Amino acid sequence: MLDGKCVFCRIIKGEIPSAKVYEDEKMCVFKDLEPKAKVHLLAVPKTHFKLLSEVGGSEAEILSYMLTKIPQIAADNGCTNGYRLIINQGDDAGQTVFHLHIHILGGEKLSDF
């Protein structure tokens, strides 16, 4: 189920333009508007849930599916020598859109934290 007020749900529905690099029935991947690396993509499930603490059976299946698709999507977008995945959870972690999403960063040597 999508949330009509959520920016990522609106991107999924096509109400807000984005630079999509991959889409199927379960997920959408698009370029981040404020990239933190040469390649910075956002992998977003087409089901709206905010946090990992909300993950149940169907959400876990979607996340598992996404994690199996990300390696090829990353490679297809220039992350052939490695990439970093980040899932921010809550305000203190810097989550600004409360629709669970996975940051895919790469395309260059990334600095340590």
PDB file of N, CA and C in Angstrom:
ATOM      1  N   MET A   1       0.839  -1.178   0.000  1.00  0.00           N
ATOM      2  CA  MET A   1       0.000   0.000   0.000  1.00  0.00           C
ATOM      3  C   MET A   1       0.885   1.243   0.000  1.00  0.00           C
ATOM      4  N   LEU A   2       0.553   2.211  -0.832  1.00  0.00           N
ATOM      5  CA  LEU A   2       1.326   3.444  -0.917  1.00  0.00           C
ATOM      6  C   LEU A   2       0.655   4.548  -0.115  1.00  0.00           C
ATOM      7  N   ASP A   3       1.456   5.479   0.367  1.00  0.00           N
ATOM      8  CA  ASP A   3       0.993   6.625   1.155  1.00  0.00           C
ATOM      9  C   ASP A   3       1.021   7.855   0.257  1.00  0.00           C
ATOM     10  N   GLY A   4      -0.119   8.489   0.036  1.00  0.00           N
ATOM     11  CA  GLY A   4      -0.225   9.626  -0.871  1.00  0.00           C
ATOM     12  C   GLY A   4       0.567  10.855  -0.465  1.00  0.00           C
ATOM     13  N   LYS A   5       1.013  10.923   0.788  1.00  0.00           N
ATOM     14  CA  LYS A   5       1.792  12.074   1.255  1.00  0.00           C
ATOM     15  C   LYS A   5       3.304  11.833   1.208  1.00  0.00           C
ATOM     16  N   CYS A   6       3.718  10.582   1.035  1.00  0.00           N
ATOM     17  CA  CYS A   6       5.129  10.203   1.051  1.00  0.00           C
ATOM     18  C   CYS A   6       5.779  10.528  -0.295  1.00  0.00           C
ATOM     19  N   VAL A   7       6.902  11.219  -0.265  1.00  0.00           N
ATOM     20  CA  VAL A   7       7.590  11.608  -1.501  1.00  0.00           C
ATOM     21  C   VAL A   7       8.019  10.382  -2.317  1.00  0.00           C
ATOM     22  N   PHE A   8       8.479   9.318  -1.666  1.00  0.00           N
ATOM     23  CA  PHE A   8       8.892   8.129  -2.413  1.00  0.00           C
ATOM     24  C   PHE A   8       7.686   7.412  -3.018  1.00  0.00           C
ATOM     25  N   CYS A   9       6.572   7.375  -2.312  1.00  0.00           N
ATOM     26  CA  CYS A   9       5.351   6.785  -2.878  1.00  0.00           C
ATOM     27  C   CYS A   9       4.899   7.588  -4.099  1.00  0.00           C
ATOM     28  N   ARG A  10       5.034   8.893  -4.026  1.00  0.00           N
ATOM     29  CA  ARG A  10       4.647   9.740  -5.151  1.00  0.00           C
ATOM     30  C   ARG A  10       5.599   9.549  -6.333  1.00  0.00           C
ATOM     31  N   ILE A  11       6.878   9.311  -6.071  1.00  0.00           N
ATOM     32  CA  ILE A  11       7.829   8.982  -7.151  1.00  0.00           C
ATOM     33  C   ILE A  11       7.438   7.654  -7.786  1.00  0.00           C
ATOM     34  N   ILE A  12       7.144   6.662  -6.964  1.00  0.00           N
ATOM     35  CA  ILE A  12       6.745   5.343  -7.471  1.00  0.00           C
ATOM     36  C   ILE A  12       5.518   5.471  -8.370  1.00  0.00           C
ATOM     37  N   LYS A  13       4.548   6.291  -7.960  1.00  0.00           N
ATOM     38  CA  LYS A  13       3.313   6.467  -8.741  1.00  0.00           C
ATOM     39  C   LYS A  13       3.513   7.341  -9.973  1.00  0.00           C
ATOM     40  N   GLY A  14       4.693   7.964 -10.105  1.00  0.00           N
ATOM     41  CA  GLY A  14       4.964   8.822 -11.253  1.00  0.00           C
ATOM     42  C   GLY A  14       4.481  10.243 -11.094  1.00  0.00           C
ATOM     43  N   GLU A  15       4.070  10.623  -9.891  1.00  0.00           N
ATOM     44  CA  GLU A  15       3.592  11.978  -9.629  1.00  0.00           C
ATOM     45  C   GLU A  15       4.734  12.977  -9.499  1.00  0.00           C
ATOM     46  N   ILE A  16       5.903  12.489  -9.119  1.00  0.00           N
ATOM     47  CA  ILE A  16       7.107  13.310  -8.997  1.00  0.00           C
ATOM     48  C   ILE A  16       8.150  12.694  -9.921  1.00  0.00           C
ATOM     49  N   PRO A  17       8.764  13.494 -10.797  1.00  0.00           N
ATOM     50  CA  PRO A  17       9.771  12.933 -11.703  1.00  0.00           C
ATOM     51  C   PRO A  17      11.026  12.492 -10.951  1.00  0.00           C
ATOM     52  N   SER A  18      11.675  11.476 -11.493  1.00  0.00           N
ATOM     53  CA  SER A  18      12.931  10.989 -10.930  1.00  0.00           C
ATOM     54  C   SER A  18      13.740  10.372 -12.059  1.00  0.00           C
ATOM     55  N   ALA A  19      15.020  10.197 -11.788  1.00  0.00           N
ATOM     56  CA  ALA A  19      15.909   9.538 -12.750  1.00  0.00           C
ATOM     57  C   ALA A  19      15.975   8.061 -12.386  1.00  0.00           C
ATOM     58  N   LYS A  20      14.958   7.311 -12.807  1.00  0.00           N
ATOM     59  CA  LYS A  20      14.885   5.886 -12.494  1.00  0.00           C
ATOM     60  C   LYS A  20      15.923   5.116 -13.303  1.00  0.00           C
ATOM     61  N   VAL A  21      16.591   4.183 -12.623  1.00  0.00           N
ATOM     62  CA  VAL A  21      17.556   3.311 -13.297  1.00  0.00           C
ATOM     63  C   VAL A  21      17.079   1.863 -13.323  1.00  0.00           C
ATOM     64  N   TYR A  22      16.056   1.548 -12.507  1.00  0.00           N
ATOM     65  CA  TYR A  22      15.503   0.194 -12.480  1.00  0.00           C
ATOM     66  C   TYR A  22      14.114   0.267 -11.856  1.00  0.00           C
ATOM     67  N   GLU A  23      13.218  -0.577 -12.366  1.00  0.00           N
ATOM     68  CA  GLU A  23      11.894  -0.690 -11.772  1.00  0.00           C
ATOM     69  C   GLU A  23      11.295  -2.034 -12.150  1.00  0.00           C
ATOM     70  N   ASP A  24      10.641  -2.658 -11.178  1.00  0.00           N
ATOM     71  CA  ASP A  24       9.849  -3.857 -11.431  1.00  0.00           C
ATOM     72  C   ASP A  24       8.624  -3.805 -10.531  1.00  0.00           C
ATOM     73  N   GLU A  25       7.941  -4.906 -10.362  1.00  0.00           N
ATOM     74  CA  GLU A  25       6.691  -4.904  -9.604  1.00  0.00           C
ATOM     75  C   GLU A  25       6.891  -4.738  -8.100  1.00  0.00           C
ATOM     76  N   LYS A  26       8.122  -4.937  -7.603  1.00  0.00           N
ATOM     77  CA  LYS A  26       8.365  -4.887  -6.161  1.00  0.00           C
ATOM     78  C   LYS A  26       9.199  -3.705  -5.701  1.00  0.00           C
ATOM     79  N   MET A  27       9.977  -3.111  -6.614  1.00  0.00           N
ATOM     80  CA  MET A  27      10.914  -2.068  -6.186  1.00  0.00           C
ATOM     81  C   MET A  27      11.184  -1.069  -7.297  1.00  0.00           C
ATOM     82  N   CYS A  28      11.702   0.067  -6.877  1.00  0.00           N
ATOM     83  CA  CYS A  28      12.086   1.128  -7.804  1.00  0.00           C
ATOM     84  C   CYS A  28      13.454   1.641  -7.347  1.00  0.00           C
ATOM     85  N   VAL A  29      14.349   1.907  -8.298  1.00  0.00           N
ATOM     86  CA  VAL A  29      15.674   2.430  -7.972  1.00  0.00           C
ATOM     87  C   VAL A  29      15.886   3.686  -8.812  1.00  0.00           C
ATOM     88  N   PHE A  30      16.270   4.771  -8.132  1.00  0.00           N
ATOM     89  CA  PHE A  30      16.487   6.029  -8.829  1.00  0.00           C
ATOM     90  C   PHE A  30      17.671   6.767  -8.229  1.00  0.00           C
ATOM     91  N   LYS A  31      18.184   7.734  -8.986  1.00  0.00           N
ATOM     92  CA  LYS A  31      19.340   8.509  -8.541  1.00  0.00           C
ATOM     93  C   LYS A  31      18.944   9.467  -7.427  1.00  0.00           C
ATOM     94  N   ASP A  32      19.813   9.575  -6.417  1.00  0.00           N
ATOM     95  CA  ASP A  32      19.600  10.508  -5.316  1.00  0.00           C
ATOM     96  C   ASP A  32      19.793  11.928  -5.819  1.00  0.00           C
ATOM     97  N   LEU A  33      18.935  12.838  -5.394  1.00  0.00           N
ATOM     98  CA  LEU A  33      19.029  14.242  -5.815  1.00  0.00           C
ATOM     99  C   LEU A  33      20.223  14.962  -5.203  1.00  0.00           C
ATOM    100  N   GLU A  34      20.727  14.451  -4.074  1.00  0.00           N
ATOM    101  CA  GLU A  34      21.883  15.057  -3.399  1.00  0.00           C
ATOM    102  C   GLU A  34      22.942  13.966  -3.194  1.00  0.00           C
ATOM    103  N   PRO A  35      23.610  13.548  -4.281  1.00  0.00           N
ATOM    104  CA  PRO A  35      24.528  12.406  -4.190  1.00  0.00           C
ATOM    105  C   PRO A  35      25.699  12.644  -3.249  1.00  0.00           C
ATOM    106  N   LYS A  36      26.036  11.586  -2.518  1.00  0.00           N
ATOM    107  CA  LYS A  36      27.178  11.607  -1.595  1.00  0.00           C
ATOM    108  C   LYS A  36      28.359  10.814  -2.160  1.00  0.00           C
ATOM    109  N   ALA A  37      28.217  10.302  -3.373  1.00  0.00           N
ATOM    110  CA  ALA A  37      29.270   9.557  -4.058  1.00  0.00           C
ATOM    111  C   ALA A  37      29.023   9.687  -5.556  1.00  0.00           C
ATOM    112  N   LYS A  38      30.013   9.257  -6.345  1.00  0.00           N
ATOM    113  CA  LYS A  38      29.868   9.313  -7.804  1.00  0.00           C
ATOM    114  C   LYS A  38      28.579   8.614  -8.245  1.00  0.00           C
ATOM    115  N   VAL A  39      28.322   7.448  -7.660  1.00  0.00           N
ATOM    116  CA  VAL A  39      27.046   6.757  -7.863  1.00  0.00           C
ATOM    117  C   VAL A  39      26.324   6.771  -6.525  1.00  0.00           C
ATOM    118  N   HIS A  40      25.116   7.314  -6.516  1.00  0.00           N
ATOM    119  CA  HIS A  40      24.287   7.311  -5.305  1.00  0.00           C
ATOM    120  C   HIS A  40      22.854   7.053  -5.741  1.00  0.00           C
ATOM    121  N   LEU A  41      22.425   5.826  -5.513  1.00  0.00           N
ATOM    122  CA  LEU A  41      21.083   5.394  -5.896  1.00  0.00           C
ATOM    123  C   LEU A  41      20.263   5.103  -4.651  1.00  0.00           C
ATOM    124  N   LEU A  42      18.954   5.194  -4.792  1.00  0.00           N
ATOM    125  CA  LEU A  42      18.032   4.827  -3.725  1.00  0.00           C
ATOM    126  C   LEU A  42      17.171   3.671  -4.207  1.00  0.00           C
ATOM    127  N   ALA A  43      17.208   2.566  -3.492  1.00  0.00           N
ATOM    128  CA  ALA A  43      16.368   1.409  -3.783  1.00  0.00           C
ATOM    129  C   ALA A  43      15.185   1.454  -2.822  1.00  0.00           C
ATOM    130  N   VAL A  44      13.979   1.535  -3.390  1.00  0.00           N
ATOM    131  CA  VAL A  44      12.775   1.780  -2.606  1.00  0.00           C
ATOM    132  C   VAL A  44      11.754   0.672  -2.866  1.00  0.00           C
ATOM    133  N   PRO A  45      11.250   0.028  -1.811  1.00  0.00           N
ATOM    134  CA  PRO A  45      10.196  -0.958  -2.027  1.00  0.00           C
ATOM    135  C   PRO A  45       8.899  -0.268  -2.452  1.00  0.00           C
ATOM    136  N   LYS A  46       8.112  -0.951  -3.246  1.00  0.00           N
ATOM    137  CA  LYS A  46       6.834  -0.394  -3.692  1.00  0.00           C
ATOM    138  C   LYS A  46       5.726  -0.592  -2.660  1.00  0.00           C
ATOM    139  N   THR A  47       6.095  -1.070  -1.498  1.00  0.00           N
ATOM    140  CA  THR A  47       5.198  -1.152  -0.348  1.00  0.00           C
ATOM    141  C   THR A  47       5.699  -0.143   0.672  1.00  0.00           C
ATOM    142  N   HIS A  48       4.795   0.674   1.209  1.00  0.00           N
ATOM    143  CA  HIS A  48       5.200   1.711   2.158  1.00  0.00           C
ATOM    144  C   HIS A  48       5.302   1.141   3.572  1.00  0.00           C
ATOM    145  N   PHE A  49       6.511   1.171   4.110  1.00  0.00           N
ATOM    146  CA  PHE A  49       6.739   0.953   5.532  1.00  0.00           C
ATOM    147  C   PHE A  49       7.935   1.801   5.897  1.00  0.00           C
ATOM    148  N   LYS A  50       7.972   2.291   7.137  1.00  0.00           N
ATOM    149  CA  LYS A  50       8.941   3.313   7.525  1.00  0.00           C
ATOM    150  C   LYS A  50      10.264   2.766   8.038  1.00  0.00           C
ATOM    151  N   LEU A  51      10.199   1.743   8.859  1.00  0.00           N
ATOM    152  CA  LEU A  51      11.369   1.309   9.611  1.00  0.00           C
ATOM    153  C   LEU A  51      11.525  -0.205   9.576  1.00  0.00           C
ATOM    154  N   LEU A  52      12.727  -0.683   9.834  1.00  0.00           N
ATOM    155  CA  LEU A  52      12.961  -2.120   9.919  1.00  0.00           C
ATOM    156  C   LEU A  52      12.120  -2.748  11.030  1.00  0.00           C
ATOM    157  N   SER A  53      11.813  -1.974  12.060  1.00  0.00           N
ATOM    158  CA  SER A  53      10.996  -2.503  13.159  1.00  0.00           C
ATOM    159  C   SER A  53       9.572  -2.813  12.715  1.00  0.00           C
ATOM    160  N   GLU A  54       9.158  -2.330  11.553  1.00  0.00           N
ATOM    161  CA  GLU A  54       7.826  -2.599  11.017  1.00  0.00           C
ATOM    162  C   GLU A  54       7.809  -3.783  10.055  1.00  0.00           C
ATOM    163  N   VAL A  55       8.957  -4.405   9.850  1.00  0.00           N
ATOM    164  CA  VAL A  55       9.059  -5.483   8.880  1.00  0.00           C
ATOM    165  C   VAL A  55       8.443  -6.760   9.430  1.00  0.00           C
ATOM    166  N   GLY A  56       7.459  -7.261   8.680  1.00  0.00           N
ATOM    167  CA  GLY A  56       6.843  -8.549   8.966  1.00  0.00           C
ATOM    168  C   GLY A  56       7.144  -9.482   7.815  1.00  0.00           C
ATOM    169  N   GLY A  57       6.321 -10.490   7.645  1.00  0.00           N
ATOM    170  CA  GLY A  57       6.558 -11.510   6.627  1.00  0.00           C
ATOM    171  C   GLY A  57       6.658 -10.970   5.216  1.00  0.00           C
ATOM    172  N   SER A  58       5.654 -10.227   4.756  1.00  0.00           N
ATOM    173  CA  SER A  58       5.670  -9.759   3.366  1.00  0.00           C
ATOM    174  C   SER A  58       6.754  -8.709   3.142  1.00  0.00           C
ATOM    175  N   GLU A  59       6.982  -7.843   4.133  1.00  0.00           N
ATOM    176  CA  GLU A  59       8.035  -6.837   3.999  1.00  0.00           C
ATOM    177  C   GLU A  59       9.410  -7.497   3.981  1.00  0.00           C
ATOM    178  N   ALA A  60       9.595  -8.537   4.781  1.00  0.00           N
ATOM    179  CA  ALA A  60      10.871  -9.254   4.803  1.00  0.00           C
ATOM    180  C   ALA A  60      11.141  -9.902   3.449  1.00  0.00           C
ATOM    181  N   GLU A  61      10.099 -10.430   2.824  1.00  0.00           N
ATOM    182  CA  GLU A  61      10.256 -11.020   1.491  1.00  0.00           C
ATOM    183  C   GLU A  61      10.669  -9.964   0.473  1.00  0.00           C
ATOM    184  N   ILE A  62      10.077  -8.775   0.559  1.00  0.00           N
ATOM    185  CA  ILE A  62      10.429  -7.684  -0.360  1.00  0.00           C
ATOM    186  C   ILE A  62      11.877  -7.260  -0.142  1.00  0.00           C
ATOM    187  N   LEU A  63      12.289  -7.094   1.119  1.00  0.00           N
ATOM    188  CA  LEU A  63      13.675  -6.701   1.405  1.00  0.00           C
ATOM    189  C   LEU A  63      14.660  -7.759   0.926  1.00  0.00           C
ATOM    190  N   SER A  64      14.335  -9.012   1.124  1.00  0.00           N
ATOM    191  CA  SER A  64      15.199 -10.095   0.639  1.00  0.00           C
ATOM    192  C   SER A  64      15.306 -10.036  -0.880  1.00  0.00           C
ATOM    193  N   TYR A  65      14.193  -9.833  -1.544  1.00  0.00           N
ATOM    194  CA  TYR A  65      14.185  -9.709  -3.003  1.00  0.00           C
ATOM    195  C   TYR A  65      15.065  -8.542  -3.440  1.00  0.00           C
ATOM    196  N   MET A  66      14.907  -7.387  -2.774  1.00  0.00           N
ATOM    197  CA  MET A  66      15.694  -6.207  -3.123  1.00  0.00           C
ATOM    198  C   MET A  66      17.187  -6.489  -2.987  1.00  0.00           C
ATOM    199  N   LEU A  67      17.572  -7.157  -1.916  1.00  0.00           N
ATOM    200  CA  LEU A  67      18.984  -7.446  -1.685  1.00  0.00           C
ATOM    201  C   LEU A  67      19.550  -8.402  -2.725  1.00  0.00           C
ATOM    202  N   THR A  68      18.714  -9.235  -3.318  1.00  0.00           N
ATOM    203  CA  THR A  68      19.206 -10.108  -4.389  1.00  0.00           C
ATOM    204  C   THR A  68      19.331  -9.360  -5.714  1.00  0.00           C
ATOM    205  N   LYS A  69      18.575  -8.297  -5.911  1.00  0.00           N
ATOM    206  CA  LYS A  69      18.614  -7.518  -7.150  1.00  0.00           C
ATOM    207  C   LYS A  69      19.703  -6.435  -7.132  1.00  0.00           C
ATOM    208  N   ILE A  70      20.021  -5.920  -5.967  1.00  0.00           N
ATOM    209  CA  ILE A  70      20.946  -4.788  -5.855  1.00  0.00           C
ATOM    210  C   ILE A  70      22.323  -5.052  -6.467  1.00  0.00           C
ATOM    211  N   PRO A  71      22.943  -6.215  -6.306  1.00  0.00           N
ATOM    212  CA  PRO A  71      24.272  -6.396  -6.911  1.00  0.00           C
ATOM    213  C   PRO A  71      24.305  -6.121  -8.417  1.00  0.00           C
ATOM    214  N   GLN A  72      23.336  -6.606  -9.153  1.00  0.00           N
ATOM    215  CA  GLN A  72      23.314  -6.376 -10.596  1.00  0.00           C
ATOM    216  C   GLN A  72      22.994  -4.921 -10.923  1.00  0.00           C
ATOM    217  N   ILE A  73      22.071  -4.325 -10.171  1.00  0.00           N
ATOM    218  CA  ILE A  73      21.728  -2.922 -10.392  1.00  0.00           C
ATOM    219  C   ILE A  73      22.953  -2.044 -10.124  1.00  0.00           C
ATOM    220  N   ALA A  74      23.669  -2.334  -9.045  1.00  0.00           N
ATOM    221  CA  ALA A  74      24.884  -1.576  -8.720  1.00  0.00           C
ATOM    222  C   ALA A  74      25.912  -1.718  -9.838  1.00  0.00           C
ATOM    223  N   ALA A  75      26.144  -2.935 -10.295  1.00  0.00           N
ATOM    224  CA  ALA A  75      27.116  -3.173 -11.367  1.00  0.00           C
ATOM    225  C   ALA A  75      26.701  -2.459 -12.650  1.00  0.00           C
ATOM    226  N   ASP A  76      25.420  -2.519 -12.983  1.00  0.00           N
ATOM    227  CA  ASP A  76      24.921  -1.867 -14.202  1.00  0.00           C
ATOM    228  C   ASP A  76      25.074  -0.352 -14.166  1.00  0.00           C
ATOM    229  N   ASN A  77      25.258   0.201 -12.956  1.00  0.00           N
ATOM    230  CA  ASN A  77      25.363   1.646 -12.800  1.00  0.00           C
ATOM    231  C   ASN A  77      26.760   2.108 -12.394  1.00  0.00           C
ATOM    232  N   GLY A  78      27.766   1.278 -12.664  1.00  0.00           N
ATOM    233  CA  GLY A  78      29.142   1.711 -12.488  1.00  0.00           C
ATOM    234  C   GLY A  78      29.816   1.297 -11.199  1.00  0.00           C
ATOM    235  N   CYS A  79      29.162   0.489 -10.389  1.00  0.00           N
ATOM    236  CA  CYS A  79      29.766   0.038  -9.128  1.00  0.00           C
ATOM    237  C   CYS A  79      30.353  -1.358  -9.323  1.00  0.00           C
ATOM    238  N   THR A  80      31.377  -1.447 -10.160  1.00  0.00           N
ATOM    239  CA  THR A  80      31.955  -2.743 -10.507  1.00  0.00           C
ATOM    240  C   THR A  80      33.087  -3.156  -9.572  1.00  0.00           C
ATOM    241  N   ASN A  81      33.558  -2.237  -8.746  1.00  0.00           N
ATOM    242  CA  ASN A  81      34.671  -2.548  -7.845  1.00  0.00           C
ATOM    243  C   ASN A  81      34.244  -2.466  -6.381  1.00  0.00           C
ATOM    244  N   GLY A  82      32.941  -2.568  -6.149  1.00  0.00           N
ATOM    245  CA  GLY A  82      32.409  -2.508  -4.789  1.00  0.00           C
ATOM    246  C   GLY A  82      31.429  -1.368  -4.613  1.00  0.00           C
ATOM    247  N   TYR A  83      30.647  -1.463  -3.569  1.00  0.00           N
ATOM    248  CA  TYR A  83      29.646  -0.444  -3.245  1.00  0.00           C
ATOM    249  C   TYR A  83      29.289  -0.568  -1.774  1.00  0.00           C
ATOM    250  N   ARG A  84      28.633   0.449  -1.271  1.00  0.00           N
ATOM    251  CA  ARG A  84      28.204   0.484   0.129  1.00  0.00           C
ATOM    252  C   ARG A  84      26.688   0.587   0.164  1.00  0.00           C
ATOM    253  N   LEU A  85      26.064  -0.165   1.070  1.00  0.00           N
ATOM    254  CA  LEU A  85      24.627  -0.070   1.301  1.00  0.00           C
ATOM    255  C   LEU A  85      24.395   0.574   2.658  1.00  0.00           C
ATOM    256  N   ILE A  86      23.452   1.512   2.706  1.00  0.00           N
ATOM    257  CA  ILE A  86      23.122   2.190   3.957  1.00  0.00           C
ATOM    258  C   ILE A  86      21.603   2.232   4.098  1.00  0.00           C
ATOM    259  N   ILE A  87      21.124   1.872   5.292  1.00  0.00           N
ATOM    260  CA  ILE A  87      19.710   2.033   5.629  1.00  0.00           C
ATOM    261  C   ILE A  87      19.664   2.878   6.897  1.00  0.00           C
ATOM    262  N   ASN A  88      19.273   4.130   6.754  1.00  0.00           N
ATOM    263  CA  ASN A  88      19.128   5.022   7.906  1.00  0.00           C
ATOM    264  C   ASN A  88      17.806   4.719   8.598  1.00  0.00           C
ATOM    265  N   GLN A  89      17.827   4.710   9.926  1.00  0.00           N
ATOM    266  CA  GLN A  89      16.641   4.381  10.719  1.00  0.00           C
ATOM    267  C   GLN A  89      16.379   5.451  11.763  1.00  0.00           C
ATOM    268  N   GLY A  90      15.449   6.348  11.489  1.00  0.00           N
ATOM    269  CA  GLY A  90      15.044   7.363  12.457  1.00  0.00           C
ATOM    270  C   GLY A  90      15.824   8.658  12.340  1.00  0.00           C
ATOM    271  N   ASP A  91      15.355   9.632  13.099  1.00  0.00           N
ATOM    272  CA  ASP A  91      15.924  10.984  13.069  1.00  0.00           C
ATOM    273  C   ASP A  91      17.410  11.014  13.401  1.00  0.00           C
ATOM    274  N   ASP A  92      17.815  10.316  14.454  1.00  0.00           N
ATOM    275  CA  ASP A  92      19.214  10.359  14.875  1.00  0.00           C
ATOM    276  C   ASP A  92      20.160   9.779  13.830  1.00  0.00           C
ATOM    277  N   ALA A  93      19.657   8.903  12.973  1.00  0.00           N
ATOM    278  CA  ALA A  93      20.480   8.295  11.921  1.00  0.00           C
ATOM    279  C   ALA A  93      20.480   9.127  10.650  1.00  0.00           C
ATOM    280  N   GLY A  94      19.646  10.166  10.612  1.00  0.00           N
ATOM    281  CA  GLY A  94      19.596  11.026   9.432  1.00  0.00           C
ATOM    282  C   GLY A  94      18.532  10.641   8.420  1.00  0.00           C
ATOM    283  N   GLN A  95      17.578   9.785   8.819  1.00  0.00           N
ATOM    284  CA  GLN A  95      16.495   9.427   7.898  1.00  0.00           C
ATOM    285  C   GLN A  95      15.612  10.654   7.693  1.00  0.00           C
ATOM    286  N   THR A  96      15.486  11.084   6.443  1.00  0.00           N
ATOM    287  CA  THR A  96      14.679  12.277   6.149  1.00  0.00           C
ATOM    288  C   THR A  96      13.371  11.936   5.457  1.00  0.00           C
ATOM    289  N   VAL A  97      13.313  10.786   4.783  1.00  0.00           N
ATOM    290  CA  VAL A  97      12.066  10.318   4.177  1.00  0.00           C
ATOM    291  C   VAL A  97      11.706   9.021   4.884  1.00  0.00           C
ATOM    292  N   PHE A  98      10.544   9.015   5.526  1.00  0.00           N
ATOM    293  CA  PHE A  98      10.147   7.869   6.324  1.00  0.00           C
ATOM    294  C   PHE A  98       9.365   6.849   5.503  1.00  0.00           C
ATOM    295  N   HIS A  99      10.075   6.341   4.494  1.00  0.00           N
ATOM    296  CA  HIS A  99       9.698   5.186   3.678  1.00  0.00           C
ATOM    297  C   HIS A  99      11.007   4.419   3.587  1.00  0.00           C
ATOM    298  N   LEU A 100      11.051   3.240   4.145  1.00  0.00           N
ATOM    299  CA  LEU A 100      12.308   2.502   4.188  1.00  0.00           C
ATOM    300  C   LEU A 100      12.953   2.479   2.806  1.00  0.00           C
ATOM    301  N   HIS A 101      14.240   2.741   2.743  1.00  0.00           N
ATOM    302  CA  HIS A 101      14.969   2.741   1.475  1.00  0.00           C
ATOM    303  C   HIS A 101      16.430   2.400   1.739  1.00  0.00           C
ATOM    304  N   ILE A 102      17.071   1.901   0.697  1.00  0.00           N
ATOM    305  CA  ILE A 102      18.468   1.490   0.785  1.00  0.00           C
ATOM    306  C   ILE A 102      19.294   2.391  -0.118  1.00  0.00           C
ATOM    307  N   HIS A 103      20.276   3.072   0.464  1.00  0.00           N
ATOM    308  CA  HIS A 103      21.215   3.875  -0.312  1.00  0.00           C
ATOM    309  C   HIS A 103      22.268   2.933  -0.900  1.00  0.00           C
ATOM    310  N   ILE A 104      22.544   3.099  -2.182  1.00  0.00           N
ATOM    311  CA  ILE A 104      23.611   2.357  -2.849  1.00  0.00           C
ATOM    312  C   ILE A 104      24.646   3.390  -3.274  1.00  0.00           C
ATOM    313  N   LEU A 105      25.837   3.326  -2.683  1.00  0.00           N
ATOM    314  CA  LEU A 105      26.887   4.290  -2.975  1.00  0.00           C
ATOM    315  C   LEU A 105      28.106   3.585  -3.549  1.00  0.00           C
ATOM    316  N   GLY A 106      28.718   4.170  -4.573  1.00  0.00           N
ATOM    317  CA  GLY A 106      29.917   3.577  -5.148  1.00  0.00           C
ATOM    318  C   GLY A 106      30.388   4.338  -6.361  1.00  0.00           C
ATOM    319  N   GLY A 107      31.042   3.614  -7.247  1.00  0.00           N
ATOM    320  CA  GLY A 107      31.586   4.229  -8.451  1.00  0.00           C
ATOM    321  C   GLY A 107      32.922   4.913  -8.229  1.00  0.00           C
ATOM    322  N   GLU A 108      33.417   4.837  -7.002  1.00  0.00           N
ATOM    323  CA  GLU A 108      34.697   5.442  -6.626  1.00  0.00           C
ATOM    324  C   GLU A 108      35.126   4.848  -5.281  1.00  0.00           C
ATOM    325  N   LYS A 109      36.358   5.107  -4.896  1.00  0.00           N
ATOM    326  CA  LYS A 109      36.834   4.682  -3.570  1.00  0.00           C
ATOM    327  C   LYS A 109      36.114   5.532  -2.526  1.00  0.00           C
ATOM    328  N   LEU A 110      35.403   4.879  -1.599  1.00  0.00           N
ATOM    329  CA  LEU A 110      34.653   5.586  -0.566  1.00  0.00           C
ATOM    330  C   LEU A 110      35.506   5.743   0.675  1.00  0.00           C
ATOM    331  N   SER A 111      35.352   6.859   1.345  1.00  0.00           N
ATOM    332  CA  SER A 111      36.112   7.092   2.576  1.00  0.00           C
ATOM    333  C   SER A 111      35.524   6.272   3.716  1.00  0.00           C
ATOM    334  N   ASP A 112      36.349   6.080   4.737  1.00  0.00           N
ATOM    335  CA  ASP A 112      35.883   5.405   5.939  1.00  0.00           C
ATOM    336  C   ASP A 112      34.966   6.349   6.710  1.00  0.00           C
ATOM    337  N   PHE A 113      34.203   5.782   7.609  1.00  0.00           N
ATOM    338  CA  PHE A 113      33.307   6.603   8.445  1.00  0.00           C
ATOM    339  C   PHE A 113      34.122   7.417   9.404  1.00  0.00           C
TER     340      PHE A 113
END
